[in-house]
Amino acid sequence: MGIRAKSKLKSILDEKGISIRKCAEMSGVNFETVRKMYNDESKQYQRDTLGALCKALGCEINDLLEIIEEPNEK
């Protein structure tokens, strides 16, 4: 089993009715970075990005990310 961080940004934005573009504008984070995080395609998370998103969305880092186990790919 592999362990990784999974983005929960999609559920937060969907719940709040905020688009990816609006989130990028609110947080000052690049649109493509927000889009990748929304779709859980990010390979890494920059501290500044996480901080800006948390501040803009009024949430904590543990609201944005969760640790999950995935089956190992062969």
PDB file of N, CA and C in Angstrom:
ATOM      1  N   MET A   1       0.840  -1.193   0.000  1.00  0.00           N
ATOM      2  CA  MET A   1       0.000   0.000   0.000  1.00  0.00           C
ATOM      3  C   MET A   1       0.878   1.248   0.000  1.00  0.00           C
ATOM      4  N   GLY A   2       0.512   2.207  -0.828  1.00  0.00           N
ATOM      5  CA  GLY A   2       1.187   3.488  -0.839  1.00  0.00           C
ATOM      6  C   GLY A   2       0.379   4.508  -0.057  1.00  0.00           C
ATOM      7  N   ILE A   3       1.063   5.390   0.626  1.00  0.00           N
ATOM      8  CA  ILE A   3       0.389   6.435   1.398  1.00  0.00           C
ATOM      9  C   ILE A   3       0.671   7.763   0.723  1.00  0.00           C
ATOM     10  N   ARG A   4      -0.359   8.580   0.566  1.00  0.00           N
ATOM     11  CA  ARG A   4      -0.173   9.888  -0.066  1.00  0.00           C
ATOM     12  C   ARG A   4      -1.179  10.884   0.489  1.00  0.00           C
ATOM     13  N   ALA A   5      -0.900  12.152   0.231  1.00  0.00           N
ATOM     14  CA  ALA A   5      -1.829  13.230   0.585  1.00  0.00           C
ATOM     15  C   ALA A   5      -2.824  13.393  -0.562  1.00  0.00           C
ATOM     16  N   LYS A   6      -4.098  13.469  -0.237  1.00  0.00           N
ATOM     17  CA  LYS A   6      -5.167  13.662  -1.219  1.00  0.00           C
ATOM     18  C   LYS A   6      -5.807  15.016  -0.994  1.00  0.00           C
ATOM     19  N   SER A   7      -6.015  15.749  -2.072  1.00  0.00           N
ATOM     20  CA  SER A   7      -6.642  17.070  -1.986  1.00  0.00           C
ATOM     21  C   SER A   7      -8.150  16.937  -1.781  1.00  0.00           C
ATOM     22  N   LYS A   8      -8.670  17.753  -0.879  1.00  0.00           N
ATOM     23  CA  LYS A   8     -10.115  17.822  -0.656  1.00  0.00           C
ATOM     24  C   LYS A   8     -10.671  19.168  -1.131  1.00  0.00           C
ATOM     25  N   LEU A   9      -9.889  19.878  -1.966  1.00  0.00           N
ATOM     26  CA  LEU A   9     -10.304  21.202  -2.428  1.00  0.00           C
ATOM     27  C   LEU A   9     -11.615  21.144  -3.208  1.00  0.00           C
ATOM     28  N   LYS A  10     -11.816  20.105  -4.012  1.00  0.00           N
ATOM     29  CA  LYS A  10     -13.043  19.990  -4.802  1.00  0.00           C
ATOM     30  C   LYS A  10     -14.275  20.010  -3.892  1.00  0.00           C
ATOM     31  N   SER A  11     -14.274  19.226  -2.840  1.00  0.00           N
ATOM     32  CA  SER A  11     -15.444  19.185  -1.955  1.00  0.00           C
ATOM     33  C   SER A  11     -15.653  20.526  -1.248  1.00  0.00           C
ATOM     34  N   ILE A  12     -14.568  21.208  -0.889  1.00  0.00           N
ATOM     35  CA  ILE A  12     -14.700  22.515  -0.233  1.00  0.00           C
ATOM     36  C   ILE A  12     -15.311  23.535  -1.192  1.00  0.00           C
ATOM     37  N   LEU A  13     -14.756  23.618  -2.400  1.00  0.00           N
ATOM     38  CA  LEU A  13     -15.265  24.602  -3.364  1.00  0.00           C
ATOM     39  C   LEU A  13     -16.698  24.276  -3.787  1.00  0.00           C
ATOM     40  N   ASP A  14     -16.993  23.000  -4.015  1.00  0.00           N
ATOM     41  CA  ASP A  14     -18.347  22.607  -4.397  1.00  0.00           C
ATOM     42  C   ASP A  14     -19.345  22.951  -3.296  1.00  0.00           C
ATOM     43  N   GLU A  15     -18.963  22.692  -2.053  1.00  0.00           N
ATOM     44  CA  GLU A  15     -19.834  22.986  -0.907  1.00  0.00           C
ATOM     45  C   GLU A  15     -20.107  24.485  -0.773  1.00  0.00           C
ATOM     46  N   LYS A  16     -19.081  25.292  -1.049  1.00  0.00           N
ATOM     47  CA  LYS A  16     -19.214  26.745  -0.913  1.00  0.00           C
ATOM     48  C   LYS A  16     -19.727  27.414  -2.189  1.00  0.00           C
ATOM     49  N   GLY A  17     -19.845  26.637  -3.272  1.00  0.00           N
ATOM     50  CA  GLY A  17     -20.312  27.201  -4.541  1.00  0.00           C
ATOM     51  C   GLY A  17     -19.304  28.150  -5.174  1.00  0.00           C
ATOM     52  N   ILE A  18     -18.019  27.837  -5.012  1.00  0.00           N
ATOM     53  CA  ILE A  18     -16.946  28.674  -5.535  1.00  0.00           C
ATOM     54  C   ILE A  18     -16.291  27.956  -6.716  1.00  0.00           C
ATOM     55  N   SER A  19     -16.109  28.658  -7.813  1.00  0.00           N
ATOM     56  CA  SER A  19     -15.453  28.070  -8.984  1.00  0.00           C
ATOM     57  C   SER A  19     -13.940  28.052  -8.782  1.00  0.00           C
ATOM     58  N   ILE A  20     -13.265  27.265  -9.603  1.00  0.00           N
ATOM     59  CA  ILE A  20     -11.807  27.220  -9.571  1.00  0.00           C
ATOM     60  C   ILE A  20     -11.248  28.609  -9.854  1.00  0.00           C
ATOM     61  N   ARG A  21     -11.783  29.270 -10.860  1.00  0.00           N
ATOM     62  CA  ARG A  21     -11.310  30.606 -11.239  1.00  0.00           C
ATOM     63  C   ARG A  21     -11.506  31.598 -10.082  1.00  0.00           C
ATOM     64  N   LYS A  22     -12.664  31.567  -9.439  1.00  0.00           N
ATOM     65  CA  LYS A  22     -12.950  32.472  -8.320  1.00  0.00           C
ATOM     66  C   LYS A  22     -12.001  32.188  -7.154  1.00  0.00           C
ATOM     67  N   CYS A  23     -11.737  30.917  -6.895  1.00  0.00           N
ATOM     68  CA  CYS A  23     -10.806  30.539  -5.829  1.00  0.00           C
ATOM     69  C   CYS A  23      -9.412  31.087  -6.120  1.00  0.00           C
ATOM     70  N   ALA A  24      -8.988  30.976  -7.374  1.00  0.00           N
ATOM     71  CA  ALA A  24      -7.679  31.502  -7.766  1.00  0.00           C
ATOM     72  C   ALA A  24      -7.633  33.013  -7.548  1.00  0.00           C
ATOM     73  N   GLU A  25      -8.695  33.714  -7.917  1.00  0.00           N
ATOM     74  CA  GLU A  25      -8.746  35.168  -7.725  1.00  0.00           C
ATOM     75  C   GLU A  25      -8.729  35.530  -6.244  1.00  0.00           C
ATOM     76  N   MET A  26      -9.518  34.814  -5.444  1.00  0.00           N
ATOM     77  CA  MET A  26      -9.614  35.100  -4.009  1.00  0.00           C
ATOM     78  C   MET A  26      -8.287  34.883  -3.285  1.00  0.00           C
ATOM     79  N   SER A  27      -7.571  33.839  -3.696  1.00  0.00           N
ATOM     80  CA  SER A  27      -6.367  33.436  -2.973  1.00  0.00           C
ATOM     81  C   SER A  27      -5.078  34.015  -3.561  1.00  0.00           C
ATOM     82  N   GLY A  28      -5.131  34.452  -4.822  1.00  0.00           N
ATOM     83  CA  GLY A  28      -3.924  34.922  -5.486  1.00  0.00           C
ATOM     84  C   GLY A  28      -3.055  33.772  -5.978  1.00  0.00           C
ATOM     85  N   VAL A  29      -3.606  32.557  -5.953  1.00  0.00           N
ATOM     86  CA  VAL A  29      -2.891  31.373  -6.420  1.00  0.00           C
ATOM     87  C   VAL A  29      -3.167  31.204  -7.913  1.00  0.00           C
ATOM     88  N   ASN A  30      -2.153  30.811  -8.662  1.00  0.00           N
ATOM     89  CA  ASN A  30      -2.269  30.588 -10.099  1.00  0.00           C
ATOM     90  C   ASN A  30      -3.433  29.643 -10.413  1.00  0.00           C
ATOM     91  N   PHE A  31      -4.218  29.975 -11.446  1.00  0.00           N
ATOM     92  CA  PHE A  31      -5.391  29.179 -11.825  1.00  0.00           C
ATOM     93  C   PHE A  31      -5.032  27.712 -12.048  1.00  0.00           C
ATOM     94  N   GLU A  32      -3.955  27.464 -12.775  1.00  0.00           N
ATOM     95  CA  GLU A  32      -3.574  26.077 -13.094  1.00  0.00           C
ATOM     96  C   GLU A  32      -3.212  25.296 -11.837  1.00  0.00           C
ATOM     97  N   THR A  33      -2.598  25.947 -10.872  1.00  0.00           N
ATOM     98  CA  THR A  33      -2.266  25.308  -9.603  1.00  0.00           C
ATOM     99  C   THR A  33      -3.542  24.916  -8.861  1.00  0.00           C
ATOM    100  N   VAL A  34      -4.513  25.827  -8.828  1.00  0.00           N
ATOM    101  CA  VAL A  34      -5.786  25.538  -8.164  1.00  0.00           C
ATOM    102  C   VAL A  34      -6.516  24.424  -8.910  1.00  0.00           C
ATOM    103  N   ARG A  35      -6.497  24.463 -10.241  1.00  0.00           N
ATOM    104  CA  ARG A  35      -7.178  23.434 -11.036  1.00  0.00           C
ATOM    105  C   ARG A  35      -6.589  22.047 -10.758  1.00  0.00           C
ATOM    106  N   LYS A  36      -5.262  21.976 -10.700  1.00  0.00           N
ATOM    107  CA  LYS A  36      -4.615  20.687 -10.424  1.00  0.00           C
ATOM    108  C   LYS A  36      -4.965  20.183  -9.030  1.00  0.00           C
ATOM    109  N   MET A  37      -4.992  21.091  -8.071  1.00  0.00           N
ATOM    110  CA  MET A  37      -5.337  20.678  -6.718  1.00  0.00           C
ATOM    111  C   MET A  37      -6.806  20.265  -6.643  1.00  0.00           C
ATOM    112  N   TYR A  38      -7.669  20.983  -7.318  1.00  0.00           N
ATOM    113  CA  TYR A  38      -9.101  20.667  -7.360  1.00  0.00           C
ATOM    114  C   TYR A  38      -9.316  19.253  -7.903  1.00  0.00           C
ATOM    115  N   ASN A  39      -8.570  18.905  -8.941  1.00  0.00           N
ATOM    116  CA  ASN A  39      -8.701  17.592  -9.575  1.00  0.00           C
ATOM    117  C   ASN A  39      -7.783  16.535  -8.956  1.00  0.00           C
ATOM    118  N   ASP A  40      -7.135  16.863  -7.850  1.00  0.00           N
ATOM    119  CA  ASP A  40      -6.222  15.972  -7.136  1.00  0.00           C
ATOM    120  C   ASP A  40      -5.133  15.444  -8.070  1.00  0.00           C
ATOM    121  N   GLU A  41      -4.572  16.352  -8.879  1.00  0.00           N
ATOM    122  CA  GLU A  41      -3.506  16.003  -9.813  1.00  0.00           C
ATOM    123  C   GLU A  41      -2.153  16.563  -9.386  1.00  0.00           C
ATOM    124  N   SER A  42      -2.104  17.284  -8.276  1.00  0.00           N
ATOM    125  CA  SER A  42      -0.854  17.897  -7.818  1.00  0.00           C
ATOM    126  C   SER A  42       0.124  16.824  -7.356  1.00  0.00           C
ATOM    127  N   LYS A  43       1.380  16.995  -7.733  1.00  0.00           N
ATOM    128  CA  LYS A  43       2.438  16.076  -7.298  1.00  0.00           C
ATOM    129  C   LYS A  43       3.048  16.529  -5.976  1.00  0.00           C
ATOM    130  N   GLN A  44       2.969  17.834  -5.715  1.00  0.00           N
ATOM    131  CA  GLN A  44       3.480  18.393  -4.468  1.00  0.00           C
ATOM    132  C   GLN A  44       2.676  19.635  -4.126  1.00  0.00           C
ATOM    133  N   TYR A  45       2.765  20.045  -2.874  1.00  0.00           N
ATOM    134  CA  TYR A  45       2.007  21.201  -2.396  1.00  0.00           C
ATOM    135  C   TYR A  45       2.973  22.210  -1.807  1.00  0.00           C
ATOM    136  N   GLN A  46       2.968  23.418  -2.344  1.00  0.00           N
ATOM    137  CA  GLN A  46       3.818  24.485  -1.833  1.00  0.00           C
ATOM    138  C   GLN A  46       3.196  25.069  -0.564  1.00  0.00           C
ATOM    139  N   ARG A  47       4.026  25.383   0.403  1.00  0.00           N
ATOM    140  CA  ARG A  47       3.531  25.946   1.670  1.00  0.00           C
ATOM    141  C   ARG A  47       2.782  27.251   1.445  1.00  0.00           C
ATOM    142  N   ASP A  48       3.310  28.108   0.563  1.00  0.00           N
ATOM    143  CA  ASP A  48       2.656  29.388   0.294  1.00  0.00           C
ATOM    144  C   ASP A  48       1.268  29.182  -0.317  1.00  0.00           C
ATOM    145  N   THR A  49       1.149  28.195  -1.195  1.00  0.00           N
ATOM    146  CA  THR A  49      -0.136  27.892  -1.828  1.00  0.00           C
ATOM    147  C   THR A  49      -1.144  27.430  -0.789  1.00  0.00           C
ATOM    148  N   LEU A  50      -0.736  26.502   0.068  1.00  0.00           N
ATOM    149  CA  LEU A  50      -1.639  25.999   1.107  1.00  0.00           C
ATOM    150  C   LEU A  50      -2.067  27.131   2.037  1.00  0.00           C
ATOM    151  N   GLY A  51      -1.134  27.967   2.420  1.00  0.00           N
ATOM    152  CA  GLY A  51      -1.457  29.093   3.298  1.00  0.00           C
ATOM    153  C   GLY A  51      -2.434  30.062   2.663  1.00  0.00           C
ATOM    154  N   ALA A  52      -2.203  30.393   1.391  1.00  0.00           N
ATOM    155  CA  ALA A  52      -3.093  31.331   0.689  1.00  0.00           C
ATOM    156  C   ALA A  52      -4.492  30.753   0.531  1.00  0.00           C
ATOM    157  N   LEU A  53      -4.588  29.465   0.210  1.00  0.00           N
ATOM    158  CA  LEU A  53      -5.906  28.830   0.069  1.00  0.00           C
ATOM    159  C   LEU A  53      -6.638  28.770   1.408  1.00  0.00           C
ATOM    160  N   CYS A  54      -5.930  28.406   2.462  1.00  0.00           N
ATOM    161  CA  CYS A  54      -6.554  28.353   3.795  1.00  0.00           C
ATOM    162  C   CYS A  54      -7.082  29.722   4.205  1.00  0.00           C
ATOM    163  N   LYS A  55      -6.286  30.752   3.985  1.00  0.00           N
ATOM    164  CA  LYS A  55      -6.710  32.107   4.355  1.00  0.00           C
ATOM    165  C   LYS A  55      -7.925  32.535   3.546  1.00  0.00           C
ATOM    166  N   ALA A  56      -7.902  32.309   2.233  1.00  0.00           N
ATOM    167  CA  ALA A  56      -9.004  32.736   1.364  1.00  0.00           C
ATOM    168  C   ALA A  56     -10.291  31.969   1.654  1.00  0.00           C
ATOM    169  N   LEU A  57     -10.167  30.688   2.004  1.00  0.00           N
ATOM    170  CA  LEU A  57     -11.352  29.842   2.203  1.00  0.00           C
ATOM    171  C   LEU A  57     -11.764  29.733   3.664  1.00  0.00           C
ATOM    172  N   GLY A  58     -10.975  30.313   4.555  1.00  0.00           N
ATOM    173  CA  GLY A  58     -11.305  30.255   5.983  1.00  0.00           C
ATOM    174  C   GLY A  58     -11.269  28.836   6.520  1.00  0.00           C
ATOM    175  N   CYS A  59     -10.227  28.098   6.155  1.00  0.00           N
ATOM    176  CA  CYS A  59     -10.133  26.708   6.606  1.00  0.00           C
ATOM    177  C   CYS A  59      -8.720  26.408   7.087  1.00  0.00           C
ATOM    178  N   GLU A  60      -8.515  25.205   7.569  1.00  0.00           N
ATOM    179  CA  GLU A  60      -7.214  24.739   8.043  1.00  0.00           C
ATOM    180  C   GLU A  60      -6.618  23.787   7.006  1.00  0.00           C
ATOM    181  N   ILE A  61      -5.323  23.537   7.118  1.00  0.00           N
ATOM    182  CA  ILE A  61      -4.653  22.637   6.178  1.00  0.00           C
ATOM    183  C   ILE A  61      -5.298  21.252   6.190  1.00  0.00           C
ATOM    184  N   ASN A  62      -5.676  20.766   7.372  1.00  0.00           N
ATOM    185  CA  ASN A  62      -6.288  19.435   7.421  1.00  0.00           C
ATOM    186  C   ASN A  62      -7.672  19.408   6.766  1.00  0.00           C
ATOM    187  N   ASP A  63      -8.251  20.568   6.487  1.00  0.00           N
ATOM    188  CA  ASP A  63      -9.495  20.617   5.717  1.00  0.00           C
ATOM    189  C   ASP A  63      -9.185  20.434   4.223  1.00  0.00           C
ATOM    190  N   LEU A  64      -7.987  20.846   3.797  1.00  0.00           N
ATOM    191  CA  LEU A  64      -7.595  20.783   2.385  1.00  0.00           C
ATOM    192  C   LEU A  64      -6.993  19.443   1.979  1.00  0.00           C
ATOM    193  N   LEU A  65      -6.314  18.781   2.916  1.00  0.00           N
ATOM    194  CA  LEU A  65      -5.590  17.554   2.598  1.00  0.00           C
ATOM    195  C   LEU A  65      -5.937  16.450   3.573  1.00  0.00           C
ATOM    196  N   GLU A  66      -5.925  15.216   3.070  1.00  0.00           N
ATOM    197  CA  GLU A  66      -6.076  14.057   3.938  1.00  0.00           C
ATOM    198  C   GLU A  66      -5.067  12.998   3.494  1.00  0.00           C
ATOM    199  N   ILE A  67      -4.674  12.148   4.404  1.00  0.00           N
ATOM    200  CA  ILE A  67      -3.748  11.068   4.091  1.00  0.00           C
ATOM    201  C   ILE A  67      -4.575   9.826   3.760  1.00  0.00           C
ATOM    202  N   ILE A  68      -4.251   9.228   2.602  1.00  0.00           N
ATOM    203  CA  ILE A  68      -4.973   8.014   2.191  1.00  0.00           C
ATOM    204  C   ILE A  68      -3.970   6.934   1.824  1.00  0.00           C
ATOM    205  N   GLU A  69      -4.432   5.697   1.856  1.00  0.00           N
ATOM    206  CA  GLU A  69      -3.636   4.556   1.405  1.00  0.00           C
ATOM    207  C   GLU A  69      -4.151   4.103   0.064  1.00  0.00           C
ATOM    208  N   GLU A  70      -3.233   3.856  -0.849  1.00  0.00           N
ATOM    209  CA  GLU A  70      -3.592   3.363  -2.170  1.00  0.00           C
ATOM    210  C   GLU A  70      -2.883   2.050  -2.426  1.00  0.00           C
ATOM    211  N   PRO A  71      -3.492   1.186  -3.206  1.00  0.00           N
ATOM    212  CA  PRO A  71      -2.791  -0.051  -3.562  1.00  0.00           C
ATOM    213  C   PRO A  71      -1.554   0.262  -4.389  1.00  0.00           C
ATOM    214  N   ASN A  72      -0.504  -0.501  -4.201  1.00  0.00           N
ATOM    215  CA  ASN A  72       0.719  -0.304  -4.993  1.00  0.00           C
ATOM    216  C   ASN A  72       0.448  -0.670  -6.431  1.00  0.00           C
ATOM    217  N   GLU A  73       0.950   0.167  -7.351  1.00  0.00           N
ATOM    218  CA  GLU A  73       0.816  -0.126  -8.768  1.00  0.00           C
ATOM    219  C   GLU A  73       1.980  -0.987  -9.212  1.00  0.00           C
ATOM    220  N   LYS A  74       1.709  -1.933 -10.093  1.00  0.00           N
ATOM    221  CA  LYS A  74       2.782  -2.813 -10.577  1.00  0.00           C
ATOM    222  C   LYS A  74       3.033  -2.567 -12.028  1.00  0.00           C
TER     223      LYS A  74
END
